[in-house]
Amino acid sequence: MPEIRKDPVFGRWVIIASERGLRPNEFRPGSGSETAGYACPFCAGHEELTPPEIYSLPDGKGGWRLRVVRNKYPALVSDGSVENRRAGIYDRMDGMGFHEVVIETPEHGRLLEQMPAEAVADVIRTFTLRVREIRKDPRIKYVMIFKNHGRNAGASLVHPHSQIIAMPMAPLRVMQEIEGAADYLQERGTCVFCDILKAEAEFAKRVVAENADFMAVTPYASRFSFETWILPKAHASHFEEMPDAQAERLAEVLKTALTKLSVSLPELSYNLIVHTMPVREPSAGHYHWHIEIMPKLSHVAGFEWGTGFYINTVSPEDAAEILNSGKRYKA
């Protein structure tokens, strides 16, 4: 069983999950689709290669257009206790949680941005539905939705998919962001994310995509080149409470942002993360859920790890200009 251990210096939790090292990796030489006899576990017709599905959407032809399954090599498992066990100076607990995979399409090579807006909206609705179901377990405090696309982003399988990991505590980084937003509200009396939306709408030069409900921007203090955030224009702290009717509007902006990134950054690798409030917390006036997309054009190196500072070699203004022009970025 996985184990969760607490760093006594920083107070952050670390998951020790040895079985994750056994998962297949198509990006490893000799182990991917070019190997004779290889069968992608996420493709239609290979359903027996995954754990039983938790949820699916039919395609109207006897098949499926989206599936959710337990991760075969989970970081956290549903068994176990969330009781903290102290051993000397150290704290640990069972690696309890949920780890699910959202297989976004039965088509092996169809990227999220290449799917119809309604199909992308189905993925988004599935995210919210699964979080609402998972949070029924009182042991769960935080649910993270993320997507690793491409070798440099840590993906192990090519087939388009996202992941959901539910855990018995809120991660330190999440709490730092929420506390920073609370400090901003106390100092200025407004939500920092609402103020970001107003500032970006007025400045306009960092806006990448927009409709009536959502805006995508290259944030002012971007840590990574071409980093892109998507924010709902109406204040909301919990992603899973987003009305189903807004899913297609979010899908439009997400598709546009990913398409622009793919055009300007061929062979794009990226991490996509949904930032939201812990599921046990009430609606908050200081926090605003949002999506962060972080292209992987370079590696985080010694200075960044040692200081927490990031060095970005493409200004967010230049990044937005390149994305909106459709030009190919040349490093």
C-alpha atoms as a PDB file:
ATOM      1  CA  MET A   1       0.000   0.000   0.000  1.00  0.00           C
ATOM      2  CA  PRO A   2       1.221   3.551  -0.714  1.00  0.00           C
ATOM      3  CA  GLU A   3       2.187   5.689   2.269  1.00  0.00           C
ATOM      4  CA  ILE A   4       1.977   9.417   2.894  1.00  0.00           C
ATOM      5  CA  ARG A   5       4.853  10.943   4.866  1.00  0.00           C
ATOM      6  CA  LYS A   6       5.174  14.468   6.227  1.00  0.00           C
ATOM      7  CA  ASP A   7       8.320  16.537   5.777  1.00  0.00           C
ATOM      8  CA  PRO A   8       9.064  17.858   9.310  1.00  0.00           C
ATOM      9  CA  VAL A   9      10.763  21.001   7.950  1.00  0.00           C
ATOM     10  CA  PHE A  10       8.267  22.303   5.373  1.00  0.00           C
ATOM     11  CA  GLY A  11       5.122  20.535   6.575  1.00  0.00           C
ATOM     12  CA  ARG A  12       4.463  19.182   3.088  1.00  0.00           C
ATOM     13  CA  TRP A  13       3.218  15.664   2.484  1.00  0.00           C
ATOM     14  CA  VAL A  14       5.018  13.215   0.191  1.00  0.00           C
ATOM     15  CA  ILE A  15       3.430  10.106  -1.347  1.00  0.00           C
ATOM     16  CA  ILE A  16       5.601   6.987  -1.362  1.00  0.00           C
ATOM     17  CA  ALA A  17       4.075   4.746  -4.061  1.00  0.00           C
ATOM     18  CA  SER A  18       6.558   2.152  -5.302  1.00  0.00           C
ATOM     19  CA  GLU A  19       4.067   0.480  -7.657  1.00  0.00           C
ATOM     20  CA  ARG A  20       3.926   3.643  -9.770  1.00  0.00           C
ATOM     21  CA  GLY A  21       7.352   2.659 -11.055  1.00  0.00           C
ATOM     22  CA  LEU A  22       5.807  -0.419 -12.718  1.00  0.00           C
ATOM     23  CA  ARG A  23       3.464   1.505 -15.007  1.00  0.00           C
ATOM     24  CA  PRO A  24       4.117   1.232 -18.770  1.00  0.00           C
ATOM     25  CA  ASN A  25       5.835   4.129 -20.526  1.00  0.00           C
ATOM     26  CA  GLU A  26       5.350   4.520 -24.263  1.00  0.00           C
ATOM     27  CA  PHE A  27       8.045   7.184 -24.344  1.00  0.00           C
ATOM     28  CA  ARG A  28      10.688   4.732 -23.147  1.00  0.00           C
ATOM     29  CA  PRO A  29      12.647   3.350 -26.143  1.00  0.00           C
ATOM     30  CA  GLY A  30      11.399  -0.081 -27.148  1.00  0.00           C
ATOM     31  CA  SER A  31       8.248  -0.004 -25.051  1.00  0.00           C
ATOM     32  CA  GLY A  32       5.781   2.052 -27.069  1.00  0.00           C
ATOM     33  CA  SER A  33       3.467   1.641 -30.027  1.00  0.00           C
ATOM     34  CA  GLU A  34       6.373   0.871 -32.374  1.00  0.00           C
ATOM     35  CA  THR A  35       6.920  -2.429 -30.540  1.00  0.00           C
ATOM     36  CA  ALA A  36       5.409  -5.506 -32.197  1.00  0.00           C
ATOM     37  CA  GLY A  37       2.320  -6.705 -30.380  1.00  0.00           C
ATOM     38  CA  TYR A  38       1.854  -3.534 -28.336  1.00  0.00           C
ATOM     39  CA  ALA A  39      -1.789  -2.714 -27.531  1.00  0.00           C
ATOM     40  CA  CYS A  40      -2.738   0.689 -26.131  1.00  0.00           C
ATOM     41  CA  PRO A  41      -4.866   0.039 -23.022  1.00  0.00           C
ATOM     42  CA  PHE A  42      -6.952   3.164 -23.633  1.00  0.00           C
ATOM     43  CA  CYS A  43      -8.007   2.440 -27.235  1.00  0.00           C
ATOM     44  CA  ALA A  44     -11.461   1.127 -28.091  1.00  0.00           C
ATOM     45  CA  GLY A  45     -11.466  -2.666 -28.152  1.00  0.00           C
ATOM     46  CA  HIS A  46      -8.821  -2.954 -25.421  1.00  0.00           C
ATOM     47  CA  GLU A  47     -11.102  -2.360 -22.450  1.00  0.00           C
ATOM     48  CA  GLU A  48      -9.938  -5.579 -20.777  1.00  0.00           C
ATOM     49  CA  LEU A  49      -6.491  -4.004 -20.327  1.00  0.00           C
ATOM     50  CA  THR A  50      -7.807  -1.442 -17.827  1.00  0.00           C
ATOM     51  CA  PRO A  51      -9.561  -1.857 -14.481  1.00  0.00           C
ATOM     52  CA  PRO A  52     -13.375  -1.930 -14.773  1.00  0.00           C
ATOM     53  CA  GLU A  53     -14.894   1.392 -15.754  1.00  0.00           C
ATOM     54  CA  ILE A  54     -16.403   3.631 -13.112  1.00  0.00           C
ATOM     55  CA  TYR A  55     -18.276   5.829 -15.551  1.00  0.00           C
ATOM     56  CA  SER A  56     -18.699   6.068 -19.310  1.00  0.00           C
ATOM     57  CA  LEU A  57     -20.565   7.931 -22.017  1.00  0.00           C
ATOM     58  CA  PRO A  58     -21.986   5.844 -24.891  1.00  0.00           C
ATOM     59  CA  ASP A  59     -21.300   6.793 -28.493  1.00  0.00           C
ATOM     60  CA  GLY A  60     -24.769   5.689 -29.677  1.00  0.00           C
ATOM     61  CA  LYS A  61     -23.272   2.863 -31.743  1.00  0.00           C
ATOM     62  CA  GLY A  62     -22.707   0.294 -29.050  1.00  0.00           C
ATOM     63  CA  GLY A  63     -19.368   1.708 -27.989  1.00  0.00           C
ATOM     64  CA  TRP A  64     -18.161   4.546 -25.804  1.00  0.00           C
ATOM     65  CA  ARG A  65     -16.908   8.064 -26.367  1.00  0.00           C
ATOM     66  CA  LEU A  66     -15.422   8.602 -22.874  1.00  0.00           C
ATOM     67  CA  ARG A  67     -14.461   6.252 -20.032  1.00  0.00           C
ATOM     68  CA  VAL A  68     -13.341   6.697 -16.423  1.00  0.00           C
ATOM     69  CA  VAL A  69     -11.353   3.866 -14.803  1.00  0.00           C
ATOM     70  CA  ARG A  70      -9.316   3.369 -11.661  1.00  0.00           C
ATOM     71  CA  ASN A  71      -5.626   3.912 -12.289  1.00  0.00           C
ATOM     72  CA  LYS A  72      -3.996   0.490 -12.611  1.00  0.00           C
ATOM     73  CA  TYR A  73      -0.872   1.830 -10.866  1.00  0.00           C
ATOM     74  CA  PRO A  74      -2.354   4.261  -8.334  1.00  0.00           C
ATOM     75  CA  ALA A  75      -0.571   6.870  -6.280  1.00  0.00           C
ATOM     76  CA  LEU A  76      -3.279   6.450  -3.613  1.00  0.00           C
ATOM     77  CA  VAL A  77      -5.772   3.649  -2.908  1.00  0.00           C
ATOM     78  CA  SER A  78      -9.243   3.629  -1.365  1.00  0.00           C
ATOM     79  CA  ASP A  79      -8.335   1.215   1.445  1.00  0.00           C
ATOM     80  CA  GLY A  80      -6.569   2.332   4.577  1.00  0.00           C
ATOM     81  CA  SER A  81      -6.894   4.798   7.394  1.00  0.00           C
ATOM     82  CA  VAL A  82      -6.351   8.550   7.471  1.00  0.00           C
ATOM     83  CA  GLU A  83      -5.175   8.356  11.066  1.00  0.00           C
ATOM     84  CA  ASN A  84      -1.864  10.138  11.583  1.00  0.00           C
ATOM     85  CA  ARG A  85       0.765   7.807  13.029  1.00  0.00           C
ATOM     86  CA  ARG A  86       3.764   9.410  14.690  1.00  0.00           C
ATOM     87  CA  ALA A  87       7.139   7.683  14.790  1.00  0.00           C
ATOM     88  CA  GLY A  88       9.572   9.845  16.720  1.00  0.00           C
ATOM     89  CA  ILE A  89       9.840  13.172  14.902  1.00  0.00           C
ATOM     90  CA  TYR A  90       8.053  11.841  11.824  1.00  0.00           C
ATOM     91  CA  ASP A  91       4.379  11.695  10.834  1.00  0.00           C
ATOM     92  CA  ARG A  92       2.866   9.263   8.358  1.00  0.00           C
ATOM     93  CA  MET A  93      -0.451   7.762   7.336  1.00  0.00           C
ATOM     94  CA  ASP A  94      -1.762   5.181   4.917  1.00  0.00           C
ATOM     95  CA  GLY A  95      -1.761   6.246   1.272  1.00  0.00           C
ATOM     96  CA  MET A  96      -5.527   6.534   1.241  1.00  0.00           C
ATOM     97  CA  GLY A  97      -7.309   8.299  -1.601  1.00  0.00           C
ATOM     98  CA  PHE A  98      -8.634   7.767  -5.099  1.00  0.00           C
ATOM     99  CA  HIS A  99      -6.745   7.789  -8.388  1.00  0.00           C
ATOM    100  CA  GLU A 100      -8.834   7.768 -11.561  1.00  0.00           C
ATOM    101  CA  VAL A 101      -8.064   8.093 -15.265  1.00  0.00           C
ATOM    102  CA  VAL A 102     -10.404   9.923 -17.630  1.00  0.00           C
ATOM    103  CA  ILE A 103      -9.917   8.442 -21.105  1.00  0.00           C
ATOM    104  CA  GLU A 104     -11.054  11.414 -23.155  1.00  0.00           C
ATOM    105  CA  THR A 105     -11.650   9.663 -26.488  1.00  0.00           C
ATOM    106  CA  PRO A 106     -11.511   6.151 -27.967  1.00  0.00           C
ATOM    107  CA  GLU A 107      -9.269   7.511 -30.759  1.00  0.00           C
ATOM    108  CA  HIS A 108      -5.577   7.050 -30.017  1.00  0.00           C
ATOM    109  CA  GLY A 109      -4.206  10.130 -31.767  1.00  0.00           C
ATOM    110  CA  ARG A 110      -7.011  12.661 -31.331  1.00  0.00           C
ATOM    111  CA  LEU A 111      -5.855  15.522 -29.125  1.00  0.00           C
ATOM    112  CA  LEU A 112      -8.192  17.425 -26.835  1.00  0.00           C
ATOM    113  CA  GLU A 113      -8.036  20.543 -29.021  1.00  0.00           C
ATOM    114  CA  GLN A 114      -8.941  18.449 -32.079  1.00  0.00           C
ATOM    115  CA  MET A 115     -12.149  17.175 -30.521  1.00  0.00           C
ATOM    116  CA  PRO A 116     -15.513  18.926 -31.079  1.00  0.00           C
ATOM    117  CA  ALA A 117     -16.410  21.486 -28.430  1.00  0.00           C
ATOM    118  CA  GLU A 118     -19.220  19.271 -27.159  1.00  0.00           C
ATOM    119  CA  ALA A 119     -16.795  16.355 -26.672  1.00  0.00           C
ATOM    120  CA  VAL A 120     -14.436  18.617 -24.707  1.00  0.00           C
ATOM    121  CA  ALA A 121     -17.449  19.781 -22.694  1.00  0.00           C
ATOM    122  CA  ASP A 122     -18.181  16.115 -21.925  1.00  0.00           C
ATOM    123  CA  VAL A 123     -14.683  15.800 -20.454  1.00  0.00           C
ATOM    124  CA  ILE A 124     -15.238  18.906 -18.313  1.00  0.00           C
ATOM    125  CA  ARG A 125     -18.660  17.716 -17.139  1.00  0.00           C
ATOM    126  CA  THR A 126     -17.128  14.365 -16.249  1.00  0.00           C
ATOM    127  CA  PHE A 127     -14.532  16.133 -14.100  1.00  0.00           C
ATOM    128  CA  THR A 128     -17.204  17.955 -12.111  1.00  0.00           C
ATOM    129  CA  LEU A 129     -19.396  14.869 -11.827  1.00  0.00           C
ATOM    130  CA  ARG A 130     -16.542  12.721 -10.521  1.00  0.00           C
ATOM    131  CA  VAL A 131     -15.477  15.335  -7.949  1.00  0.00           C
ATOM    132  CA  ARG A 132     -19.047  15.618  -6.677  1.00  0.00           C
ATOM    133  CA  GLU A 133     -19.165  11.840  -6.317  1.00  0.00           C
ATOM    134  CA  ILE A 134     -15.731  11.468  -4.716  1.00  0.00           C
ATOM    135  CA  ARG A 135     -16.315  14.196  -2.136  1.00  0.00           C
ATOM    136  CA  LYS A 136     -19.094  12.083  -0.623  1.00  0.00           C
ATOM    137  CA  ASP A 137     -16.320  10.156   1.120  1.00  0.00           C
ATOM    138  CA  PRO A 138     -15.715  12.124   4.350  1.00  0.00           C
ATOM    139  CA  ARG A 139     -12.042  11.140   4.364  1.00  0.00           C
ATOM    140  CA  ILE A 140     -11.344  13.205   1.240  1.00  0.00           C
ATOM    141  CA  LYS A 141     -10.265  16.829   1.677  1.00  0.00           C
ATOM    142  CA  TYR A 142      -8.914  17.770  -1.750  1.00  0.00           C
ATOM    143  CA  VAL A 143      -9.440  16.555  -5.320  1.00  0.00           C
ATOM    144  CA  MET A 144      -6.885  17.445  -7.980  1.00  0.00           C
ATOM    145  CA  ILE A 145      -7.660  17.256 -11.699  1.00  0.00           C
ATOM    146  CA  PHE A 146      -4.692  17.352 -14.034  1.00  0.00           C
ATOM    147  CA  LYS A 147      -3.456  16.378 -17.475  1.00  0.00           C
ATOM    148  CA  ASN A 148       0.107  15.509 -18.475  1.00  0.00           C
ATOM    149  CA  HIS A 149       0.548  15.720 -22.231  1.00  0.00           C
ATOM    150  CA  GLY A 150       3.803  14.741 -23.889  1.00  0.00           C
ATOM    151  CA  ARG A 151       7.094  13.235 -22.837  1.00  0.00           C
ATOM    152  CA  ASN A 152       8.492  16.396 -21.211  1.00  0.00           C
ATOM    153  CA  ALA A 153       5.335  16.830 -19.127  1.00  0.00           C
ATOM    154  CA  GLY A 154       5.662  13.431 -17.479  1.00  0.00           C
ATOM    155  CA  ALA A 155       3.087  11.533 -19.529  1.00  0.00           C
ATOM    156  CA  SER A 156       3.659   7.785 -19.801  1.00  0.00           C
ATOM    157  CA  LEU A 157       0.956   6.994 -22.382  1.00  0.00           C
ATOM    158  CA  VAL A 158       0.272   8.839 -25.637  1.00  0.00           C
ATOM    159  CA  HIS A 159      -3.485   8.253 -25.758  1.00  0.00           C
ATOM    160  CA  PRO A 160      -5.290  11.448 -24.628  1.00  0.00           C
ATOM    161  CA  HIS A 161      -6.286  11.173 -20.989  1.00  0.00           C
ATOM    162  CA  SER A 162      -6.537  13.172 -17.768  1.00  0.00           C
ATOM    163  CA  GLN A 163      -6.251  12.117 -14.139  1.00  0.00           C
ATOM    164  CA  ILE A 164      -8.103  12.734 -10.903  1.00  0.00           C
ATOM    165  CA  ILE A 165      -6.374  12.205  -7.557  1.00  0.00           C
ATOM    166  CA  ALA A 166      -8.352  12.644  -4.338  1.00  0.00           C
ATOM    167  CA  MET A 167      -6.417  12.924  -1.081  1.00  0.00           C
ATOM    168  CA  PRO A 168      -7.069  13.179   2.665  1.00  0.00           C
ATOM    169  CA  MET A 169      -5.392  16.573   2.995  1.00  0.00           C
ATOM    170  CA  ALA A 170      -5.013  19.784   1.014  1.00  0.00           C
ATOM    171  CA  PRO A 171      -1.521  20.093  -0.511  1.00  0.00           C
ATOM    172  CA  LEU A 172       0.783  22.753   0.929  1.00  0.00           C
ATOM    173  CA  ARG A 173       1.063  24.566  -2.412  1.00  0.00           C
ATOM    174  CA  VAL A 174      -2.718  24.769  -2.690  1.00  0.00           C
ATOM    175  CA  MET A 175      -3.032  26.195   0.822  1.00  0.00           C
ATOM    176  CA  GLN A 176      -0.317  28.760   0.139  1.00  0.00           C
ATOM    177  CA  GLU A 177      -2.239  29.984  -2.905  1.00  0.00           C
ATOM    178  CA  ILE A 178      -5.499  30.173  -0.969  1.00  0.00           C
ATOM    179  CA  GLU A 179      -3.834  31.983   1.930  1.00  0.00           C
ATOM    180  CA  GLY A 180      -2.228  34.457  -0.483  1.00  0.00           C
ATOM    181  CA  ALA A 181      -5.643  35.200  -1.961  1.00  0.00           C
ATOM    182  CA  ALA A 182      -7.090  35.640   1.542  1.00  0.00           C
ATOM    183  CA  ASP A 183      -4.330  38.110   2.407  1.00  0.00           C
ATOM    184  CA  TYR A 184      -5.101  40.089  -0.768  1.00  0.00           C
ATOM    185  CA  LEU A 185      -8.792  40.266   0.153  1.00  0.00           C
ATOM    186  CA  GLN A 186      -7.964  41.471   3.656  1.00  0.00           C
ATOM    187  CA  GLU A 187      -5.605  44.143   2.322  1.00  0.00           C
ATOM    188  CA  ARG A 188      -7.617  45.383  -0.666  1.00  0.00           C
ATOM    189  CA  GLY A 189     -11.148  44.170  -0.056  1.00  0.00           C
ATOM    190  CA  THR A 190     -11.496  42.326  -3.371  1.00  0.00           C
ATOM    191  CA  CYS A 191     -10.758  38.923  -4.894  1.00  0.00           C
ATOM    192  CA  VAL A 192      -7.320  38.947  -6.505  1.00  0.00           C
ATOM    193  CA  PHE A 193      -8.493  36.771  -9.386  1.00  0.00           C
ATOM    194  CA  CYS A 194     -11.453  39.039 -10.116  1.00  0.00           C
ATOM    195  CA  ASP A 195      -8.998  41.944 -10.148  1.00  0.00           C
ATOM    196  CA  ILE A 196      -6.723  40.016 -12.530  1.00  0.00           C
ATOM    197  CA  LEU A 197      -9.647  39.580 -14.915  1.00  0.00           C
ATOM    198  CA  LYS A 198     -10.407  43.303 -14.814  1.00  0.00           C
ATOM    199  CA  ALA A 199      -6.764  44.271 -15.319  1.00  0.00           C
ATOM    200  CA  GLU A 200      -6.259  41.857 -18.214  1.00  0.00           C
ATOM    201  CA  ALA A 201      -9.478  42.931 -19.938  1.00  0.00           C
ATOM    202  CA  GLU A 202      -8.318  46.559 -19.726  1.00  0.00           C
ATOM    203  CA  PHE A 203      -4.721  45.859 -20.836  1.00  0.00           C
ATOM    204  CA  ALA A 204      -5.860  43.348 -23.493  1.00  0.00           C
ATOM    205  CA  LYS A 205      -2.350  42.461 -24.710  1.00  0.00           C
ATOM    206  CA  ARG A 206      -2.127  39.261 -22.657  1.00  0.00           C
ATOM    207  CA  VAL A 207      -5.578  37.903 -23.601  1.00  0.00           C
ATOM    208  CA  VAL A 208      -5.350  34.692 -25.645  1.00  0.00           C
ATOM    209  CA  ALA A 209      -9.023  33.652 -25.820  1.00  0.00           C
ATOM    210  CA  GLU A 210     -12.306  34.934 -24.452  1.00  0.00           C
ATOM    211  CA  ASN A 211     -16.054  34.502 -24.533  1.00  0.00           C
ATOM    212  CA  ALA A 212     -18.900  35.712 -22.344  1.00  0.00           C
ATOM    213  CA  ASP A 213     -18.025  33.384 -19.462  1.00  0.00           C
ATOM    214  CA  PHE A 214     -14.267  32.714 -19.562  1.00  0.00           C
ATOM    215  CA  MET A 215     -10.976  34.412 -20.344  1.00  0.00           C
ATOM    216  CA  ALA A 216      -7.584  32.857 -21.137  1.00  0.00           C
ATOM    217  CA  VAL A 217      -4.498  34.976 -20.479  1.00  0.00           C
ATOM    218  CA  THR A 218      -0.734  34.686 -20.301  1.00  0.00           C
ATOM    219  CA  PRO A 219      -0.403  35.811 -16.661  1.00  0.00           C
ATOM    220  CA  TYR A 220       1.547  38.928 -15.733  1.00  0.00           C
ATOM    221  CA  ALA A 221       4.128  37.047 -13.637  1.00  0.00           C
ATOM    222  CA  SER A 222       4.313  33.922 -15.808  1.00  0.00           C
ATOM    223  CA  ARG A 223       6.732  31.363 -14.397  1.00  0.00           C
ATOM    224  CA  PHE A 224       7.049  29.476 -17.670  1.00  0.00           C
ATOM    225  CA  SER A 225       7.218  30.574 -21.292  1.00  0.00           C
ATOM    226  CA  PHE A 226       3.700  30.583 -22.800  1.00  0.00           C
ATOM    227  CA  GLU A 227       2.085  29.753 -19.444  1.00  0.00           C
ATOM    228  CA  THR A 228      -1.675  30.253 -19.862  1.00  0.00           C
ATOM    229  CA  TRP A 229      -4.466  30.611 -17.303  1.00  0.00           C
ATOM    230  CA  ILE A 230      -8.205  30.213 -17.913  1.00  0.00           C
ATOM    231  CA  LEU A 231     -10.501  31.967 -15.428  1.00  0.00           C
ATOM    232  CA  PRO A 232     -14.287  32.110 -15.123  1.00  0.00           C
ATOM    233  CA  LYS A 233     -15.495  35.704 -15.319  1.00  0.00           C
ATOM    234  CA  ALA A 234     -18.083  35.151 -12.597  1.00  0.00           C
ATOM    235  CA  HIS A 235     -16.544  34.622  -9.164  1.00  0.00           C
ATOM    236  CA  ALA A 236     -16.661  30.998  -8.024  1.00  0.00           C
ATOM    237  CA  SER A 237     -14.375  29.173  -5.630  1.00  0.00           C
ATOM    238  CA  HIS A 238     -15.246  25.524  -6.344  1.00  0.00           C
ATOM    239  CA  PHE A 239     -14.724  24.102  -9.823  1.00  0.00           C
ATOM    240  CA  GLU A 240     -17.057  21.170  -9.229  1.00  0.00           C
ATOM    241  CA  GLU A 241     -19.975  23.576  -8.644  1.00  0.00           C
ATOM    242  CA  MET A 242     -19.723  24.962 -12.185  1.00  0.00           C
ATOM    243  CA  PRO A 243     -23.147  24.671 -13.873  1.00  0.00           C
ATOM    244  CA  ASP A 244     -23.237  22.060 -16.635  1.00  0.00           C
ATOM    245  CA  ALA A 245     -24.423  24.736 -19.051  1.00  0.00           C
ATOM    246  CA  GLN A 246     -21.061  26.515 -18.717  1.00  0.00           C
ATOM    247  CA  ALA A 247     -19.028  23.453 -19.669  1.00  0.00           C
ATOM    248  CA  GLU A 248     -19.344  24.093 -23.390  1.00  0.00           C
ATOM    249  CA  ARG A 249     -18.323  27.734 -22.938  1.00  0.00           C
ATOM    250  CA  LEU A 250     -15.242  26.609 -21.046  1.00  0.00           C
ATOM    251  CA  ALA A 251     -14.582  24.004 -23.745  1.00  0.00           C
ATOM    252  CA  GLU A 252     -14.552  26.752 -26.395  1.00  0.00           C
ATOM    253  CA  VAL A 253     -11.882  28.775 -24.606  1.00  0.00           C
ATOM    254  CA  LEU A 254      -9.847  25.701 -23.667  1.00  0.00           C
ATOM    255  CA  LYS A 255      -9.884  24.445 -27.260  1.00  0.00           C
ATOM    256  CA  THR A 256      -8.828  27.855 -28.570  1.00  0.00           C
ATOM    257  CA  ALA A 257      -5.997  28.183 -26.056  1.00  0.00           C
ATOM    258  CA  LEU A 258      -4.658  24.665 -26.695  1.00  0.00           C
ATOM    259  CA  THR A 259      -4.952  25.118 -30.458  1.00  0.00           C
ATOM    260  CA  LYS A 260      -2.935  28.334 -30.344  1.00  0.00           C
ATOM    261  CA  LEU A 261      -0.311  26.697 -28.147  1.00  0.00           C
ATOM    262  CA  SER A 262      -0.080  23.700 -30.496  1.00  0.00           C
ATOM    263  CA  VAL A 263       0.288  25.902 -33.579  1.00  0.00           C
ATOM    264  CA  SER A 264       3.008  28.089 -32.063  1.00  0.00           C
ATOM    265  CA  LEU A 265       4.746  25.281 -30.162  1.00  0.00           C
ATOM    266  CA  PRO A 266       4.888  22.149 -32.359  1.00  0.00           C
ATOM    267  CA  GLU A 267       5.355  18.871 -30.467  1.00  0.00           C
ATOM    268  CA  LEU A 268       3.926  20.635 -27.431  1.00  0.00           C
ATOM    269  CA  SER A 269       4.225  19.046 -23.999  1.00  0.00           C
ATOM    270  CA  TYR A 270       2.254  20.618 -21.178  1.00  0.00           C
ATOM    271  CA  ASN A 271       0.771  20.151 -17.722  1.00  0.00           C
ATOM    272  CA  LEU A 272      -2.821  21.293 -17.190  1.00  0.00           C
ATOM    273  CA  ILE A 273      -4.037  21.674 -13.603  1.00  0.00           C
ATOM    274  CA  VAL A 274      -7.420  22.713 -12.201  1.00  0.00           C
ATOM    275  CA  HIS A 275      -6.922  24.937  -9.136  1.00  0.00           C
ATOM    276  CA  THR A 276      -9.901  24.861  -6.788  1.00  0.00           C
ATOM    277  CA  MET A 277     -10.881  25.068  -3.125  1.00  0.00           C
ATOM    278  CA  PRO A 278     -10.734  21.975  -0.873  1.00  0.00           C
ATOM    279  CA  VAL A 279     -14.027  20.081  -1.131  1.00  0.00           C
ATOM    280  CA  ARG A 280     -14.832  20.414   2.596  1.00  0.00           C
ATOM    281  CA  GLU A 281     -14.504  24.216   2.562  1.00  0.00           C
ATOM    282  CA  PRO A 282     -17.532  26.483   1.996  1.00  0.00           C
ATOM    283  CA  SER A 283     -17.735  28.912  -0.892  1.00  0.00           C
ATOM    284  CA  ALA A 284     -15.088  31.584  -0.468  1.00  0.00           C
ATOM    285  CA  GLY A 285     -15.086  35.232  -1.468  1.00  0.00           C
ATOM    286  CA  HIS A 286     -11.300  35.379  -1.653  1.00  0.00           C
ATOM    287  CA  TYR A 287     -10.602  32.398  -3.915  1.00  0.00           C
ATOM    288  CA  HIS A 288     -11.457  31.914  -7.580  1.00  0.00           C
ATOM    289  CA  TRP A 289     -11.021  28.542  -9.284  1.00  0.00           C
ATOM    290  CA  HIS A 290      -9.017  28.529 -12.503  1.00  0.00           C
ATOM    291  CA  ILE A 291      -7.060  26.330 -14.888  1.00  0.00           C
ATOM    292  CA  GLU A 292      -3.311  26.643 -15.416  1.00  0.00           C
ATOM    293  CA  ILE A 293      -1.596  25.316 -18.554  1.00  0.00           C
ATOM    294  CA  MET A 294       2.191  25.118 -18.338  1.00  0.00           C
ATOM    295  CA  PRO A 295       4.084  24.249 -21.537  1.00  0.00           C
ATOM    296  CA  LYS A 296       7.330  22.375 -20.957  1.00  0.00           C
ATOM    297  CA  LEU A 297       9.904  24.147 -23.116  1.00  0.00           C
ATOM    298  CA  SER A 298      12.718  23.926 -20.571  1.00  0.00           C
ATOM    299  CA  HIS A 299      13.537  22.125 -17.343  1.00  0.00           C
ATOM    300  CA  VAL A 300      13.373  23.590 -13.860  1.00  0.00           C
ATOM    301  CA  ALA A 301      17.031  23.808 -12.846  1.00  0.00           C
ATOM    302  CA  GLY A 302      19.181  24.455  -9.781  1.00  0.00           C
ATOM    303  CA  PHE A 303      18.444  28.157  -9.346  1.00  0.00           C
ATOM    304  CA  GLU A 304      14.680  27.601  -9.463  1.00  0.00           C
ATOM    305  CA  TRP A 305      14.812  24.656  -7.058  1.00  0.00           C
ATOM    306  CA  GLY A 306      17.161  26.499  -4.714  1.00  0.00           C
ATOM    307  CA  THR A 307      15.319  29.807  -4.563  1.00  0.00           C
ATOM    308  CA  GLY A 308      11.730  29.243  -5.625  1.00  0.00           C
ATOM    309  CA  PHE A 309      12.278  31.968  -8.259  1.00  0.00           C
ATOM    310  CA  TYR A 310      11.493  31.162 -11.879  1.00  0.00           C
ATOM    311  CA  ILE A 311      13.347  32.523 -14.892  1.00  0.00           C
ATOM    312  CA  ASN A 312      11.048  33.008 -17.883  1.00  0.00           C
ATOM    313  CA  THR A 313      12.774  33.714 -21.201  1.00  0.00           C
ATOM    314  CA  VAL A 314       9.593  34.785 -23.064  1.00  0.00           C
ATOM    315  CA  SER A 315       7.588  37.674 -21.623  1.00  0.00           C
ATOM    316  CA  PRO A 316       3.845  37.029 -21.288  1.00  0.00           C
ATOM    317  CA  GLU A 317       3.203  39.961 -23.635  1.00  0.00           C
ATOM    318  CA  ASP A 318       5.421  38.443 -26.340  1.00  0.00           C
ATOM    319  CA  ALA A 319       3.918  35.004 -25.726  1.00  0.00           C
ATOM    320  CA  ALA A 320       0.372  36.304 -26.222  1.00  0.00           C
ATOM    321  CA  GLU A 321       1.399  38.158 -29.376  1.00  0.00           C
ATOM    322  CA  ILE A 322       2.946  34.995 -30.836  1.00  0.00           C
ATOM    323  CA  LEU A 323      -0.064  32.847 -29.897  1.00  0.00           C
ATOM    324  CA  ASN A 324      -2.561  35.333 -31.323  1.00  0.00           C
ATOM    325  CA  SER A 325      -0.606  35.768 -34.562  1.00  0.00           C
ATOM    326  CA  GLY A 326      -0.351  32.042 -35.203  1.00  0.00           C
ATOM    327  CA  LYS A 327       3.386  32.311 -35.658  1.00  0.00           C
ATOM    328  CA  ARG A 328       5.691  29.416 -34.813  1.00  0.00           C
ATOM    329  CA  TYR A 329       7.911  30.158 -31.842  1.00  0.00           C
ATOM    330  CA  LYS A 330      11.631  29.804 -32.481  1.00  0.00           C
ATOM    331  CA  ALA A 331      13.700  29.561 -29.315  1.00  0.00           C
END
